[in-house]
Amino acid sequence: MIQEIMKIVEDHGYHISHCFREANKPADKLASLSHGAEEIHVFNSFSSLPKQVRGLINMDRWEFPSFRMKPVKPSYLVYEPP
């Protein structure tokens, strides 16, 4: 089934690739907001989107950089030279 989908996509000249959620913050924010929703929402205009999503879209429009942050694990290794 996946190969069939890939063939259809390729035949229409599209390319699908993975991107980290930081690369598409507005979509990630909409997805996270949807988890708490009890009904389906359809946004027909920019102004009808949640304020946080509009802000993220504007940041994309203004080409603000987006960084992938990774927490640093604490190191408990103690080195005491002789």
C-alpha atoms as a PDB file:
ATOM      1  CA  MET A   1       0.000   0.000   0.000  1.00  0.00           C
ATOM      2  CA  ILE A   2       2.826   2.425   0.848  1.00  0.00           C
ATOM      3  CA  GLN A   3       4.477   1.708  -2.500  1.00  0.00           C
ATOM      4  CA  GLU A   4       1.189   2.483  -4.272  1.00  0.00           C
ATOM      5  CA  ILE A   5       0.948   5.814  -2.467  1.00  0.00           C
ATOM      6  CA  MET A   6       4.568   6.617  -3.282  1.00  0.00           C
ATOM      7  CA  LYS A   7       3.919   5.830  -6.959  1.00  0.00           C
ATOM      8  CA  ILE A   8       0.853   8.118  -7.061  1.00  0.00           C
ATOM      9  CA  VAL A   9       2.787  10.927  -5.383  1.00  0.00           C
ATOM     10  CA  GLU A  10       5.739  10.491  -7.737  1.00  0.00           C
ATOM     11  CA  ASP A  11       3.479  10.392 -10.819  1.00  0.00           C
ATOM     12  CA  HIS A  12       2.069  13.794  -9.859  1.00  0.00           C
ATOM     13  CA  GLY A  13       5.513  15.355  -9.388  1.00  0.00           C
ATOM     14  CA  TYR A  14       5.457  15.693  -5.609  1.00  0.00           C
ATOM     15  CA  HIS A  15       8.172  14.852  -3.128  1.00  0.00           C
ATOM     16  CA  ILE A  16       7.425  13.905   0.473  1.00  0.00           C
ATOM     17  CA  SER A  17      10.048  14.197   3.162  1.00  0.00           C
ATOM     18  CA  HIS A  18      10.113  14.199   6.945  1.00  0.00           C
ATOM     19  CA  CYS A  19      10.664  17.396   8.858  1.00  0.00           C
ATOM     20  CA  PHE A  20      10.979  17.949  12.576  1.00  0.00           C
ATOM     21  CA  ARG A  21       7.999  19.583  14.252  1.00  0.00           C
ATOM     22  CA  GLU A  22      10.100  22.699  14.837  1.00  0.00           C
ATOM     23  CA  ALA A  23      10.153  23.198  11.073  1.00  0.00           C
ATOM     24  CA  ASN A  24       6.371  23.613  11.025  1.00  0.00           C
ATOM     25  CA  LYS A  25       5.424  25.130  14.356  1.00  0.00           C
ATOM     26  CA  PRO A  26       1.958  26.323  13.276  1.00  0.00           C
ATOM     27  CA  ALA A  27       0.917  22.778  12.315  1.00  0.00           C
ATOM     28  CA  ASP A  28       2.422  21.380  15.514  1.00  0.00           C
ATOM     29  CA  LYS A  29       0.536  23.964  17.603  1.00  0.00           C
ATOM     30  CA  LEU A  30      -2.771  23.198  15.835  1.00  0.00           C
ATOM     31  CA  ALA A  31      -2.225  19.490  16.449  1.00  0.00           C
ATOM     32  CA  SER A  32      -1.510  20.032  20.145  1.00  0.00           C
ATOM     33  CA  LEU A  33      -4.546  22.305  20.528  1.00  0.00           C
ATOM     34  CA  SER A  34      -6.751  19.690  18.872  1.00  0.00           C
ATOM     35  CA  HIS A  35      -6.077  17.174  21.657  1.00  0.00           C
ATOM     36  CA  GLY A  36      -8.166  19.191  24.082  1.00  0.00           C
ATOM     37  CA  ALA A  37     -10.958  19.964  21.601  1.00  0.00           C
ATOM     38  CA  GLU A  38     -14.316  18.276  22.042  1.00  0.00           C
ATOM     39  CA  GLU A  39     -15.610  19.214  18.585  1.00  0.00           C
ATOM     40  CA  ILE A  40     -14.282  19.713  15.066  1.00  0.00           C
ATOM     41  CA  HIS A  41     -13.110  23.229  14.195  1.00  0.00           C
ATOM     42  CA  VAL A  42     -12.688  24.497  10.638  1.00  0.00           C
ATOM     43  CA  PHE A  43     -10.640  27.658  10.165  1.00  0.00           C
ATOM     44  CA  ASN A  44     -11.696  29.442   6.976  1.00  0.00           C
ATOM     45  CA  SER A  45      -9.519  32.503   7.369  1.00  0.00           C
ATOM     46  CA  PHE A  46      -6.307  33.640   8.972  1.00  0.00           C
ATOM     47  CA  SER A  47      -8.209  35.746  11.510  1.00  0.00           C
ATOM     48  CA  SER A  48     -10.236  32.732  12.676  1.00  0.00           C
ATOM     49  CA  LEU A  49      -7.106  30.808  13.716  1.00  0.00           C
ATOM     50  CA  PRO A  50      -6.083  30.748  17.384  1.00  0.00           C
ATOM     51  CA  LYS A  51      -3.892  33.703  18.371  1.00  0.00           C
ATOM     52  CA  GLN A  52      -0.863  31.492  19.084  1.00  0.00           C
ATOM     53  CA  VAL A  53      -1.061  29.927  15.598  1.00  0.00           C
ATOM     54  CA  ARG A  54      -1.383  33.325  13.893  1.00  0.00           C
ATOM     55  CA  GLY A  55       1.730  34.463  15.750  1.00  0.00           C
ATOM     56  CA  LEU A  56       3.698  31.410  14.616  1.00  0.00           C
ATOM     57  CA  ILE A  57       2.569  31.908  11.005  1.00  0.00           C
ATOM     58  CA  ASN A  58       3.690  35.527  11.155  1.00  0.00           C
ATOM     59  CA  MET A  59       7.062  34.453  12.509  1.00  0.00           C
ATOM     60  CA  ASP A  60       7.396  32.081   9.530  1.00  0.00           C
ATOM     61  CA  ARG A  61       6.353  34.872   7.180  1.00  0.00           C
ATOM     62  CA  TRP A  62       8.987  37.180   8.672  1.00  0.00           C
ATOM     63  CA  GLU A  63      11.562  34.356   8.322  1.00  0.00           C
ATOM     64  CA  PHE A  64      12.446  34.205  12.003  1.00  0.00           C
ATOM     65  CA  PRO A  65      14.805  31.293  12.622  1.00  0.00           C
ATOM     66  CA  SER A  66      13.525  28.191  14.357  1.00  0.00           C
ATOM     67  CA  PHE A  67      15.831  26.057  16.455  1.00  0.00           C
ATOM     68  CA  ARG A  68      15.616  22.472  17.613  1.00  0.00           C
ATOM     69  CA  MET A  69      16.467  22.449  21.308  1.00  0.00           C
ATOM     70  CA  LYS A  70      17.685  19.304  22.991  1.00  0.00           C
ATOM     71  CA  PRO A  71      17.965  19.147  26.789  1.00  0.00           C
ATOM     72  CA  VAL A  72      21.386  18.346  28.182  1.00  0.00           C
ATOM     73  CA  LYS A  73      21.396  15.370  30.502  1.00  0.00           C
ATOM     74  CA  PRO A  74      23.189  16.038  33.777  1.00  0.00           C
ATOM     75  CA  SER A  75      26.468  14.266  34.204  1.00  0.00           C
ATOM     76  CA  TYR A  76      27.115  12.617  37.547  1.00  0.00           C
ATOM     77  CA  LEU A  77      30.610  11.543  36.676  1.00  0.00           C
ATOM     78  CA  VAL A  78      33.093  12.984  39.132  1.00  0.00           C
ATOM     79  CA  TYR A  79      36.754  12.910  38.245  1.00  0.00           C
ATOM     80  CA  GLU A  80      39.219  13.393  41.044  1.00  0.00           C
ATOM     81  CA  PRO A  81      42.817  13.258  39.832  1.00  0.00           C
ATOM     82  CA  PRO A  82      45.324  11.411  42.046  1.00  0.00           C
END
